PDB file of N, CA and C in Angstrom:
ATOM      1  N   MET A   1      -6.320  13.070 -18.495  1.00  0.00           N
ATOM      2  CA  MET A   1      -6.738  11.743 -18.097  1.00  0.00           C
ATOM      3  C   MET A   1      -8.113  11.850 -17.461  1.00  0.00           C
ATOM      4  N   THR A   2      -9.008  10.970 -17.796  1.00  0.00           N
ATOM      5  CA  THR A   2     -10.343  11.015 -17.232  1.00  0.00           C
ATOM      6  C   THR A   2     -10.331  10.421 -15.835  1.00  0.00           C
ATOM      7  N   GLU A   3     -11.326  10.796 -15.028  1.00  0.00           N
ATOM      8  CA  GLU A   3     -11.427  10.277 -13.678  1.00  0.00           C
ATOM      9  C   GLU A   3     -11.534   8.761 -13.688  1.00  0.00           C
ATOM     10  N   ALA A   4     -12.276   8.180 -14.641  1.00  0.00           N
ATOM     11  CA  ALA A   4     -12.429   6.732 -14.714  1.00  0.00           C
ATOM     12  C   ALA A   4     -11.085   6.051 -14.930  1.00  0.00           C
ATOM     13  N   ALA A   5     -10.176   6.695 -15.637  1.00  0.00           N
ATOM     14  CA  ALA A   5      -8.875   6.092 -15.916  1.00  0.00           C
ATOM     15  C   ALA A   5      -8.006   6.015 -14.673  1.00  0.00           C
ATOM     16  N   THR A   6      -8.259   6.842 -13.660  1.00  0.00           N
ATOM     17  CA  THR A   6      -7.439   6.836 -12.463  1.00  0.00           C
ATOM     18  C   THR A   6      -8.059   6.036 -11.318  1.00  0.00           C
ATOM     19  N   ALA A   7      -9.258   5.489 -11.522  1.00  0.00           N
ATOM     20  CA  ALA A   7      -9.900   4.705 -10.468  1.00  0.00           C
ATOM     21  C   ALA A   7      -9.158   3.387 -10.287  1.00  0.00           C
ATOM     22  N   LEU A   8      -8.810   3.061  -9.041  1.00  0.00           N
ATOM     23  CA  LEU A   8      -8.129   1.801  -8.745  1.00  0.00           C
ATOM     24  C   LEU A   8      -9.109   0.692  -8.403  1.00  0.00           C
ATOM     25  N   CYS A   9     -10.070   1.008  -7.516  1.00  0.00           N
ATOM     26  CA  CYS A   9     -11.038   0.003  -7.082  1.00  0.00           C
ATOM     27  C   CYS A   9     -12.098   0.681  -6.231  1.00  0.00           C
ATOM     28  N   ARG A  10     -13.069  -0.101  -5.823  1.00  0.00           N
ATOM     29  CA  ARG A  10     -14.022   0.379  -4.826  1.00  0.00           C
ATOM     30  C   ARG A  10     -13.386   0.164  -3.452  1.00  0.00           C
ATOM     31  N   LEU A  11     -13.608   1.067  -2.532  1.00  0.00           N
ATOM     32  CA  LEU A  11     -13.081   0.899  -1.185  1.00  0.00           C
ATOM     33  C   LEU A  11     -13.582  -0.422  -0.593  1.00  0.00           C
ATOM     34  N   ALA A  12     -14.813  -0.774  -0.889  1.00  0.00           N
ATOM     35  CA  ALA A  12     -15.400  -2.020  -0.382  1.00  0.00           C
ATOM     36  C   ALA A  12     -14.694  -3.267  -0.923  1.00  0.00           C
ATOM     37  N   ASP A  13     -13.905  -3.126  -1.989  1.00  0.00           N
ATOM     38  CA  ASP A  13     -13.152  -4.265  -2.529  1.00  0.00           C
ATOM     39  C   ASP A  13     -11.973  -4.647  -1.640  1.00  0.00           C
ATOM     40  N   ILE A  14     -11.617  -3.768  -0.715  1.00  0.00           N
ATOM     41  CA  ILE A  14     -10.516  -4.028   0.213  1.00  0.00           C
ATOM     42  C   ILE A  14     -11.125  -4.239   1.592  1.00  0.00           C
ATOM     43  N   GLU A  15     -10.876  -5.391   2.173  1.00  0.00           N
ATOM     44  CA  GLU A  15     -11.398  -5.675   3.498  1.00  0.00           C
ATOM     45  C   GLU A  15     -10.783  -4.705   4.501  1.00  0.00           C
ATOM     46  N   ASP A  16     -11.582  -4.238   5.441  1.00  0.00           N
ATOM     47  CA  ASP A  16     -11.085  -3.314   6.455  1.00  0.00           C
ATOM     48  C   ASP A  16      -9.903  -3.949   7.188  1.00  0.00           C
ATOM     49  N   GLY A  17      -8.808  -3.192   7.306  1.00  0.00           N
ATOM     50  CA  GLY A  17      -7.613  -3.698   7.961  1.00  0.00           C
ATOM     51  C   GLY A  17      -6.725  -4.539   7.064  1.00  0.00           C
ATOM     52  N   GLU A  18      -6.989  -4.521   5.775  1.00  0.00           N
ATOM     53  CA  GLU A  18      -6.194  -5.291   4.811  1.00  0.00           C
ATOM     54  C   GLU A  18      -5.682  -4.359   3.710  1.00  0.00           C
ATOM     55  N   GLY A  19      -4.918  -4.914   2.798  1.00  0.00           N
ATOM     56  CA  GLY A  19      -4.371  -4.151   1.689  1.00  0.00           C
ATOM     57  C   GLY A  19      -4.599  -4.849   0.371  1.00  0.00           C
ATOM     58  N   LYS A  20      -4.436  -4.097  -0.699  1.00  0.00           N
ATOM     59  CA  LYS A  20      -4.584  -4.638  -2.051  1.00  0.00           C
ATOM     60  C   LYS A  20      -3.492  -4.032  -2.916  1.00  0.00           C
ATOM     61  N   GLY A  21      -2.833  -4.879  -3.680  1.00  0.00           N
ATOM     62  CA  GLY A  21      -1.766  -4.424  -4.553  1.00  0.00           C
ATOM     63  C   GLY A  21      -2.262  -4.117  -5.956  1.00  0.00           C
ATOM     64  N   PHE A  22      -1.587  -3.188  -6.611  1.00  0.00           N
ATOM     65  CA  PHE A  22      -1.912  -2.789  -7.979  1.00  0.00           C
ATOM     66  C   PHE A  22      -0.629  -2.623  -8.770  1.00  0.00           C
ATOM     67  N   VAL A  23      -0.687  -2.969 -10.050  1.00  0.00           N
ATOM     68  CA  VAL A  23       0.430  -2.749 -10.963  1.00  0.00           C
ATOM     69  C   VAL A  23      -0.061  -1.796 -12.036  1.00  0.00           C
ATOM     70  N   LEU A  24       0.655  -0.699 -12.226  1.00  0.00           N
ATOM     71  CA  LEU A  24       0.282   0.310 -13.212  1.00  0.00           C
ATOM     72  C   LEU A  24       1.399   0.434 -14.243  1.00  0.00           C
ATOM     73  N   GLY A  25       1.038   0.686 -15.464  1.00  0.00           N
ATOM     74  CA  GLY A  25       2.016   0.885 -16.518  1.00  0.00           C
ATOM     75  C   GLY A  25       2.652  -0.415 -16.978  1.00  0.00           C
ATOM     76  N   GLU A  26       3.587  -0.262 -17.921  1.00  0.00           N
ATOM     77  CA  GLU A  26       4.278  -1.418 -18.498  1.00  0.00           C
ATOM     78  C   GLU A  26       5.737  -1.077 -18.710  1.00  0.00           C
ATOM     79  N   GLY A  27       6.549  -2.109 -18.854  1.00  0.00           N
ATOM     80  CA  GLY A  27       7.958  -1.914 -19.167  1.00  0.00           C
ATOM     81  C   GLY A  27       8.647  -1.024 -18.161  1.00  0.00           C
ATOM     82  N   SER A  28       9.415  -0.069 -18.654  1.00  0.00           N
ATOM     83  CA  SER A  28      10.163   0.818 -17.761  1.00  0.00           C
ATOM     84  C   SER A  28       9.239   1.784 -17.009  1.00  0.00           C
ATOM     85  N   ALA A  29       7.994   1.932 -17.455  1.00  0.00           N
ATOM     86  CA  ALA A  29       7.029   2.802 -16.781  1.00  0.00           C
ATOM     87  C   ALA A  29       6.176   2.033 -15.768  1.00  0.00           C
ATOM     88  N   ARG A  30       6.475   0.752 -15.558  1.00  0.00           N
ATOM     89  CA  ARG A  30       5.700  -0.087 -14.645  1.00  0.00           C
ATOM     90  C   ARG A  30       6.050   0.257 -13.193  1.00  0.00           C
ATOM     91  N   TRP A  31       5.013   0.359 -12.355  1.00  0.00           N
ATOM     92  CA  TRP A  31       5.247   0.529 -10.927  1.00  0.00           C
ATOM     93  C   TRP A  31       4.128  -0.136 -10.144  1.00  0.00           C
ATOM     94  N   GLU A  32       4.480  -0.572  -8.948  1.00  0.00           N
ATOM     95  CA  GLU A  32       3.543  -1.278  -8.087  1.00  0.00           C
ATOM     96  C   GLU A  32       3.199  -0.417  -6.887  1.00  0.00           C
ATOM     97  N   LEU A  33       1.948  -0.488  -6.467  1.00  0.00           N
ATOM     98  CA  LEU A  33       1.529   0.229  -5.288  1.00  0.00           C
ATOM     99  C   LEU A  33       0.604  -0.637  -4.459  1.00  0.00           C
ATOM    100  N   VAL A  34       0.442  -0.260  -3.216  1.00  0.00           N
ATOM    101  CA  VAL A  34      -0.457  -0.943  -2.307  1.00  0.00           C
ATOM    102  C   VAL A  34      -1.405   0.094  -1.715  1.00  0.00           C
ATOM    103  N   VAL A  35      -2.667  -0.305  -1.584  1.00  0.00           N
ATOM    104  CA  VAL A  35      -3.658   0.519  -0.908  1.00  0.00           C
ATOM    105  C   VAL A  35      -4.078  -0.243   0.342  1.00  0.00           C
ATOM    106  N   ILE A  36      -3.944   0.413   1.493  1.00  0.00           N
ATOM    107  CA  ILE A  36      -4.327  -0.162   2.776  1.00  0.00           C
ATOM    108  C   ILE A  36      -5.611   0.526   3.226  1.00  0.00           C
ATOM    109  N   ARG A  37      -6.590  -0.287   3.604  1.00  0.00           N
ATOM    110  CA  ARG A  37      -7.851   0.278   4.088  1.00  0.00           C
ATOM    111  C   ARG A  37      -7.886   0.236   5.609  1.00  0.00           C
ATOM    112  N   GLU A  38      -8.288   1.352   6.183  1.00  0.00           N
ATOM    113  CA  GLU A  38      -8.524   1.436   7.616  1.00  0.00           C
ATOM    114  C   GLU A  38      -9.841   2.174   7.805  1.00  0.00           C
ATOM    115  N   GLY A  39     -10.893   1.411   8.017  1.00  0.00           N
ATOM    116  CA  GLY A  39     -12.229   1.993   8.132  1.00  0.00           C
ATOM    117  C   GLY A  39     -12.648   2.640   6.828  1.00  0.00           C
ATOM    118  N   ASP A  40     -12.993   3.925   6.893  1.00  0.00           N
ATOM    119  CA  ASP A  40     -13.412   4.662   5.706  1.00  0.00           C
ATOM    120  C   ASP A  40     -12.258   5.416   5.057  1.00  0.00           C
ATOM    121  N   GLN A  41     -11.026   5.077   5.427  1.00  0.00           N
ATOM    122  CA  GLN A  41      -9.850   5.731   4.863  1.00  0.00           C
ATOM    123  C   GLN A  41      -9.029   4.733   4.059  1.00  0.00           C
ATOM    124  N   ALA A  42      -8.264   5.282   3.122  1.00  0.00           N
ATOM    125  CA  ALA A  42      -7.343   4.465   2.324  1.00  0.00           C
ATOM    126  C   ALA A  42      -5.992   5.175   2.285  1.00  0.00           C
ATOM    127  N   PHE A  43      -4.938   4.394   2.442  1.00  0.00           N
ATOM    128  CA  PHE A  43      -3.577   4.917   2.436  1.00  0.00           C
ATOM    129  C   PHE A  43      -2.801   4.205   1.343  1.00  0.00           C
ATOM    130  N   GLY A  44      -2.100   4.969   0.524  1.00  0.00           N
ATOM    131  CA  GLY A  44      -1.371   4.399  -0.605  1.00  0.00           C
ATOM    132  C   GLY A  44       0.131   4.536  -0.444  1.00  0.00           C
ATOM    133  N   TYR A  45       0.845   3.477  -0.862  1.00  0.00           N
ATOM    134  CA  TYR A  45       2.301   3.473  -0.811  1.00  0.00           C
ATOM    135  C   TYR A  45       2.849   2.730  -2.022  1.00  0.00           C
ATOM    136  N   VAL A  46       4.040   3.114  -2.445  1.00  0.00           N
ATOM    137  CA  VAL A  46       4.754   2.330  -3.439  1.00  0.00           C
ATOM    138  C   VAL A  46       5.049   0.990  -2.782  1.00  0.00           C
ATOM    139  N   ASN A  47       4.834  -0.093  -3.510  1.00  0.00           N
ATOM    140  CA  ASN A  47       5.021  -1.440  -2.973  1.00  0.00           C
ATOM    141  C   ASN A  47       6.498  -1.827  -3.037  1.00  0.00           C
ATOM    142  N   ALA A  48       7.297  -1.178  -2.200  1.00  0.00           N
ATOM    143  CA  ALA A  48       8.730  -1.451  -2.137  1.00  0.00           C
ATOM    144  C   ALA A  48       9.238  -1.102  -0.746  1.00  0.00           C
ATOM    145  N   CYS A  49       9.892  -2.055  -0.100  1.00  0.00           N
ATOM    146  CA  CYS A  49      10.474  -1.803   1.217  1.00  0.00           C
ATOM    147  C   CYS A  49      11.670  -0.869   1.057  1.00  0.00           C
ATOM    148  N   PRO A  50      11.796   0.153   1.909  1.00  0.00           N
ATOM    149  CA  PRO A  50      12.937   1.059   1.782  1.00  0.00           C
ATOM    150  C   PRO A  50      14.277   0.387   2.115  1.00  0.00           C
ATOM    151  N   HIS A  51      14.248  -0.781   2.719  1.00  0.00           N
ATOM    152  CA  HIS A  51      15.486  -1.481   3.081  1.00  0.00           C
ATOM    153  C   HIS A  51      16.245  -1.932   1.843  1.00  0.00           C
ATOM    154  N   VAL A  52      15.609  -2.743   0.977  1.00  0.00           N
ATOM    155  CA  VAL A  52      16.283  -3.230  -0.239  1.00  0.00           C
ATOM    156  C   VAL A  52      15.412  -3.136  -1.486  1.00  0.00           C
ATOM    157  N   GLY A  53      14.229  -2.535  -1.369  1.00  0.00           N
ATOM    158  CA  GLY A  53      13.379  -2.318  -2.532  1.00  0.00           C
ATOM    159  C   GLY A  53      12.511  -3.491  -2.933  1.00  0.00           C
ATOM    160  N   THR A  54      12.487  -4.566  -2.146  1.00  0.00           N
ATOM    161  CA  THR A  54      11.653  -5.717  -2.502  1.00  0.00           C
ATOM    162  C   THR A  54      10.180  -5.402  -2.272  1.00  0.00           C
ATOM    163  N   PRO A  55       9.282  -6.068  -3.007  1.00  0.00           N
ATOM    164  CA  PRO A  55       7.854  -5.909  -2.731  1.00  0.00           C
ATOM    165  C   PRO A  55       7.561  -6.309  -1.282  1.00  0.00           C
ATOM    166  N   LEU A  56       6.554  -5.695  -0.704  1.00  0.00           N
ATOM    167  CA  LEU A  56       6.224  -5.941   0.691  1.00  0.00           C
ATOM    168  C   LEU A  56       5.625  -7.325   0.923  1.00  0.00           C
ATOM    169  N   GLU A  57       4.854  -7.834  -0.027  1.00  0.00           N
ATOM    170  CA  GLU A  57       4.171  -9.102   0.171  1.00  0.00           C
ATOM    171  C   GLU A  57       4.894 -10.245  -0.538  1.00  0.00           C
ATOM    172  N   MET A  58       4.703 -11.459  -0.001  1.00  0.00           N
ATOM    173  CA  MET A  58       5.206 -12.659  -0.675  1.00  0.00           C
ATOM    174  C   MET A  58       4.067 -13.401  -1.355  1.00  0.00           C
ATOM    175  N   GLN A  59       2.854 -13.169  -0.883  1.00  0.00           N
ATOM    176  CA  GLN A  59       1.649 -13.724  -1.486  1.00  0.00           C
ATOM    177  C   GLN A  59       0.767 -12.542  -1.873  1.00  0.00           C
ATOM    178  N   PRO A  60       0.039 -12.649  -2.974  1.00  0.00           N
ATOM    179  CA  PRO A  60      -0.783 -11.520  -3.424  1.00  0.00           C
ATOM    180  C   PRO A  60      -1.682 -10.965  -2.312  1.00  0.00           C
ATOM    181  N   ASP A  61      -1.628  -9.651  -2.165  1.00  0.00           N
ATOM    182  CA  ASP A  61      -2.506  -8.903  -1.254  1.00  0.00           C
ATOM    183  C   ASP A  61      -2.344  -9.281   0.217  1.00  0.00           C
ATOM    184  N   ARG A  62      -1.193  -9.789   0.620  1.00  0.00           N
ATOM    185  CA  ARG A  62      -0.896 -10.106   2.028  1.00  0.00           C
ATOM    186  C   ARG A  62       0.115  -9.083   2.544  1.00  0.00           C
ATOM    187  N   PHE A  63      -0.393  -7.924   2.963  1.00  0.00           N
ATOM    188  CA  PHE A  63       0.459  -6.797   3.331  1.00  0.00           C
ATOM    189  C   PHE A  63       0.519  -6.518   4.827  1.00  0.00           C
ATOM    190  N   MET A  64      -0.307  -7.171   5.619  1.00  0.00           N
ATOM    191  CA  MET A  64      -0.428  -6.800   7.021  1.00  0.00           C
ATOM    192  C   MET A  64       0.200  -7.847   7.945  1.00  0.00           C
ATOM    193  N   ASN A  65       0.572  -7.394   9.165  1.00  0.00           N
ATOM    194  CA  ASN A  65       1.044  -8.350  10.156  1.00  0.00           C
ATOM    195  C   ASN A  65      -0.147  -9.148  10.675  1.00  0.00           C
ATOM    196  N   ALA A  66       0.103 -10.115  11.555  1.00  0.00           N
ATOM    197  CA  ALA A  66      -0.929 -11.064  11.976  1.00  0.00           C
ATOM    198  C   ALA A  66      -2.169 -10.404  12.571  1.00  0.00           C
ATOM    199  N   ASP A  67      -1.992  -9.340  13.371  1.00  0.00           N
ATOM    200  CA  ASP A  67      -3.174  -8.719  13.976  1.00  0.00           C
ATOM    201  C   ASP A  67      -3.683  -7.501  13.203  1.00  0.00           C
ATOM    202  N   GLY A  68      -3.098  -7.220  12.045  1.00  0.00           N
ATOM    203  CA  GLY A  68      -3.572  -6.134  11.196  1.00  0.00           C
ATOM    204  C   GLY A  68      -3.226  -4.742  11.680  1.00  0.00           C
ATOM    205  N   SER A  69      -2.296  -4.632  12.627  1.00  0.00           N
ATOM    206  CA  SER A  69      -1.974  -3.320  13.184  1.00  0.00           C
ATOM    207  C   SER A  69      -0.865  -2.590  12.431  1.00  0.00           C
ATOM    208  N   TYR A  70      -0.087  -3.308  11.610  1.00  0.00           N
ATOM    209  CA  TYR A  70       1.007  -2.708  10.846  1.00  0.00           C
ATOM    210  C   TYR A  70       1.086  -3.307   9.453  1.00  0.00           C
ATOM    211  N   VAL A  71       1.623  -2.522   8.534  1.00  0.00           N
ATOM    212  CA  VAL A  71       2.011  -3.037   7.223  1.00  0.00           C
ATOM    213  C   VAL A  71       3.317  -3.792   7.458  1.00  0.00           C
ATOM    214  N   LEU A  72       3.431  -4.974   6.891  1.00  0.00           N
ATOM    215  CA  LEU A  72       4.577  -5.847   7.129  1.00  0.00           C
ATOM    216  C   LEU A  72       5.352  -6.087   5.847  1.00  0.00           C
ATOM    217  N   CYS A  73       6.671  -5.924   5.907  1.00  0.00           N
ATOM    218  CA  CYS A  73       7.521  -6.380   4.815  1.00  0.00           C
ATOM    219  C   CYS A  73       7.837  -7.838   5.109  1.00  0.00           C
ATOM    220  N   HIS A  74       7.331  -8.722   4.269  1.00  0.00           N
ATOM    221  CA  HIS A  74       7.503 -10.147   4.505  1.00  0.00           C
ATOM    222  C   HIS A  74       8.928 -10.629   4.231  1.00  0.00           C
ATOM    223  N   THR A  75       9.770  -9.816   3.613  1.00  0.00           N
ATOM    224  CA  THR A  75      11.150 -10.227   3.348  1.00  0.00           C
ATOM    225  C   THR A  75      11.980 -10.220   4.623  1.00  0.00           C
ATOM    226  N   HIS A  76      11.942  -9.125   5.384  1.00  0.00           N
ATOM    227  CA  HIS A  76      12.785  -9.007   6.572  1.00  0.00           C
ATOM    228  C   HIS A  76      12.010  -8.668   7.837  1.00  0.00           C
ATOM    229  N   GLY A  77      10.689  -8.626   7.774  1.00  0.00           N
ATOM    230  CA  GLY A  77       9.885  -8.405   8.968  1.00  0.00           C
ATOM    231  C   GLY A  77       9.735  -6.976   9.434  1.00  0.00           C
ATOM    232  N   ALA A  78      10.083  -6.011   8.609  1.00  0.00           N
ATOM    233  CA  ALA A  78       9.911  -4.609   8.990  1.00  0.00           C
ATOM    234  C   ALA A  78       8.429  -4.298   9.165  1.00  0.00           C
ATOM    235  N   LEU A  79       8.123  -3.441  10.140  1.00  0.00           N
ATOM    236  CA  LEU A  79       6.743  -3.028  10.422  1.00  0.00           C
ATOM    237  C   LEU A  79       6.594  -1.535  10.174  1.00  0.00           C
ATOM    238  N   PHE A  80       5.514  -1.174   9.474  1.00  0.00           N
ATOM    239  CA  PHE A  80       5.266   0.213   9.093  1.00  0.00           C
ATOM    240  C   PHE A  80       3.900   0.661   9.608  1.00  0.00           C
ATOM    241  N   GLU A  81       3.815   1.882  10.106  1.00  0.00           N
ATOM    242  CA  GLU A  81       2.536   2.450  10.526  1.00  0.00           C
ATOM    243  C   GLU A  81       1.613   2.572   9.326  1.00  0.00           C
ATOM    244  N   ILE A  82       0.364   2.229   9.513  1.00  0.00           N
ATOM    245  CA  ILE A  82      -0.613   2.269   8.419  1.00  0.00           C
ATOM    246  C   ILE A  82      -0.802   3.696   7.912  1.00  0.00           C
ATOM    247  N   GLU A  83      -0.993   4.645   8.814  1.00  0.00           N
ATOM    248  CA  GLU A  83      -1.344   6.013   8.439  1.00  0.00           C
ATOM    249  C   GLU A  83      -0.182   6.811   7.861  1.00  0.00           C
ATOM    250  N   THR A  84       1.053   6.467   8.227  1.00  0.00           N
ATOM    251  CA  THR A  84       2.198   7.291   7.821  1.00  0.00           C
ATOM    252  C   THR A  84       3.231   6.550   6.978  1.00  0.00           C
ATOM    253  N   GLY A  85       3.238   5.214   7.042  1.00  0.00           N
ATOM    254  CA  GLY A  85       4.256   4.434   6.348  1.00  0.00           C
ATOM    255  C   GLY A  85       5.595   4.425   7.066  1.00  0.00           C
ATOM    256  N   TYR A  86       5.660   4.994   8.258  1.00  0.00           N
ATOM    257  CA  TYR A  86       6.898   5.084   9.028  1.00  0.00           C
ATOM    258  C   TYR A  86       7.267   3.713   9.592  1.00  0.00           C
ATOM    259  N   CYS A  87       8.525   3.310   9.436  1.00  0.00           N
ATOM    260  CA  CYS A  87       8.999   2.016   9.911  1.00  0.00           C
ATOM    261  C   CYS A  87       9.329   2.096  11.396  1.00  0.00           C
ATOM    262  N   VAL A  88       8.628   1.285  12.199  1.00  0.00           N
ATOM    263  CA  VAL A  88       8.828   1.287  13.644  1.00  0.00           C
ATOM    264  C   VAL A  88       9.693   0.127  14.113  1.00  0.00           C
ATOM    265  N   ALA A  89       9.937  -0.869  13.258  1.00  0.00           N
ATOM    266  CA  ALA A  89      10.757  -2.022  13.638  1.00  0.00           C
ATOM    267  C   ALA A  89      11.298  -2.691  12.386  1.00  0.00           C
ATOM    268  N   GLY A  90      12.496  -3.257  12.524  1.00  0.00           N
ATOM    269  CA  GLY A  90      13.101  -3.969  11.404  1.00  0.00           C
ATOM    270  C   GLY A  90      14.330  -3.262  10.891  1.00  0.00           C
ATOM    271  N   PRO A  91      14.920  -3.771   9.821  1.00  0.00           N
ATOM    272  CA  PRO A  91      16.190  -3.251   9.319  1.00  0.00           C
ATOM    273  C   PRO A  91      16.122  -1.838   8.753  1.00  0.00           C
ATOM    274  N   CYS A  92      14.930  -1.329   8.491  1.00  0.00           N
ATOM    275  CA  CYS A  92      14.818   0.034   7.964  1.00  0.00           C
ATOM    276  C   CYS A  92      14.129   0.958   8.963  1.00  0.00           C
ATOM    277  N   ALA A  93      14.207   0.638  10.253  1.00  0.00           N
ATOM    278  CA  ALA A  93      13.591   1.470  11.297  1.00  0.00           C
ATOM    279  C   ALA A  93      14.010   2.929  11.122  1.00  0.00           C
ATOM    280  N   GLY A  94      13.022   3.799  11.194  1.00  0.00           N
ATOM    281  CA  GLY A  94      13.273   5.228  11.025  1.00  0.00           C
ATOM    282  C   GLY A  94      13.076   5.713   9.603  1.00  0.00           C
ATOM    283  N   GLN A  95      12.999   4.805   8.649  1.00  0.00           N
ATOM    284  CA  GLN A  95      12.707   5.183   7.264  1.00  0.00           C
ATOM    285  C   GLN A  95      11.204   5.058   7.037  1.00  0.00           C
ATOM    286  N   SER A  96      10.740   5.377   5.840  1.00  0.00           N
ATOM    287  CA  SER A  96       9.311   5.316   5.548  1.00  0.00           C
ATOM    288  C   SER A  96       9.053   4.752   4.163  1.00  0.00           C
ATOM    289  N   LEU A  97       7.870   4.170   4.019  1.00  0.00           N
ATOM    290  CA  LEU A  97       7.396   3.796   2.691  1.00  0.00           C
ATOM    291  C   LEU A  97       7.147   5.067   1.897  1.00  0.00           C
ATOM    292  N   GLN A  98       7.274   4.987   0.591  1.00  0.00           N
ATOM    293  CA  GLN A  98       7.019   6.152  -0.265  1.00  0.00           C
ATOM    294  C   GLN A  98       5.509   6.294  -0.454  1.00  0.00           C
ATOM    295  N   PRO A  99       4.921   7.419  -0.021  1.00  0.00           N
ATOM    296  CA  PRO A  99       3.469   7.574  -0.133  1.00  0.00           C
ATOM    297  C   PRO A  99       3.013   7.774  -1.574  1.00  0.00           C
ATOM    298  N   VAL A 100       1.794   7.331  -1.818  1.00  0.00           N
ATOM    299  CA  VAL A 100       1.108   7.552  -3.090  1.00  0.00           C
ATOM    300  C   VAL A 100      -0.186   8.284  -2.749  1.00  0.00           C
ATOM    301  N   ALA A 101      -0.386   9.449  -3.335  1.00  0.00           N
ATOM    302  CA  ALA A 101      -1.573  10.256  -3.037  1.00  0.00           C
ATOM    303  C   ALA A 101      -2.823   9.591  -3.608  1.00  0.00           C
ATOM    304  N   LEU A 102      -3.810   9.437  -2.746  1.00  0.00           N
ATOM    305  CA  LEU A 102      -5.097   8.857  -3.122  1.00  0.00           C
ATOM    306  C   LEU A 102      -6.203   9.830  -2.767  1.00  0.00           C
ATOM    307  N   ARG A 103      -7.347   9.615  -3.370  1.00  0.00           N
ATOM    308  CA  ARG A 103      -8.549  10.327  -2.931  1.00  0.00           C
ATOM    309  C   ARG A 103      -9.722   9.373  -3.037  1.00  0.00           C
ATOM    310  N   LEU A 104     -10.697   9.572  -2.181  1.00  0.00           N
ATOM    311  CA  LEU A 104     -11.910   8.761  -2.172  1.00  0.00           C
ATOM    312  C   LEU A 104     -13.058   9.608  -2.680  1.00  0.00           C
ATOM    313  N   SER A 105     -13.865   9.011  -3.533  1.00  0.00           N
ATOM    314  CA  SER A 105     -15.036   9.711  -4.051  1.00  0.00           C
ATOM    315  C   SER A 105     -16.099   8.682  -4.419  1.00  0.00           C
ATOM    316  N   HIS A 106     -17.274   8.830  -3.859  1.00  0.00           N
ATOM    317  CA  HIS A 106     -18.404   7.968  -4.172  1.00  0.00           C
ATOM    318  C   HIS A 106     -18.052   6.488  -3.987  1.00  0.00           C
ATOM    319  N   GLY A 107     -17.285   6.195  -2.926  1.00  0.00           N
ATOM    320  CA  GLY A 107     -16.935   4.820  -2.629  1.00  0.00           C
ATOM    321  C   GLY A 107     -15.821   4.235  -3.466  1.00  0.00           C
ATOM    322  N   LEU A 108     -15.202   5.056  -4.308  1.00  0.00           N
ATOM    323  CA  LEU A 108     -14.104   4.602  -5.155  1.00  0.00           C
ATOM    324  C   LEU A 108     -12.769   5.182  -4.686  1.00  0.00           C
ATOM    325  N   VAL A 109     -11.696   4.431  -4.916  1.00  0.00           N
ATOM    326  CA  VAL A 109     -10.347   4.875  -4.595  1.00  0.00           C
ATOM    327  C   VAL A 109      -9.674   5.305  -5.897  1.00  0.00           C
ATOM    328  N   PHE A 110      -9.199   6.545  -5.924  1.00  0.00           N
ATOM    329  CA  PHE A 110      -8.552   7.113  -7.114  1.00  0.00           C
ATOM    330  C   PHE A 110      -7.116   7.517  -6.791  1.00  0.00           C
ATOM    331  N   LEU A 111      -6.263   7.484  -7.781  1.00  0.00           N
ATOM    332  CA  LEU A 111      -4.985   8.163  -7.661  1.00  0.00           C
ATOM    333  C   LEU A 111      -5.284   9.645  -7.647  1.00  0.00           C
ATOM    334  N   ALA A 112      -4.622  10.388  -6.765  1.00  0.00           N
ATOM    335  CA  ALA A 112      -4.892  11.834  -6.684  1.00  0.00           C
ATOM    336  C   ALA A 112      -4.048  12.601  -7.671  1.00  0.00           C
TER     337      ALA A 112
END
């Protein structure tokens, strides 16, 4: 696979303290992920709450709580640490989002 094929977006396409969702593949190979930007870093997770597997957002690209300090599952209000995906509150407290390995290069976000 070429590097261009794994590029998701430019880091600048994601507002600092916000997230952006992506859908990759089709049919049974389809999966959703979210990239959360925090300054010059990006953190990737499968877009599924560990509680019941629902997508984290109810509106496109709305992944954060009101003050931007946690990733929020809008279904049941679970809160996840941005850097680790660890659930600190809600019905899945103590569980974690499934990480997706990313890398940054020349201002672009790639699947690692």
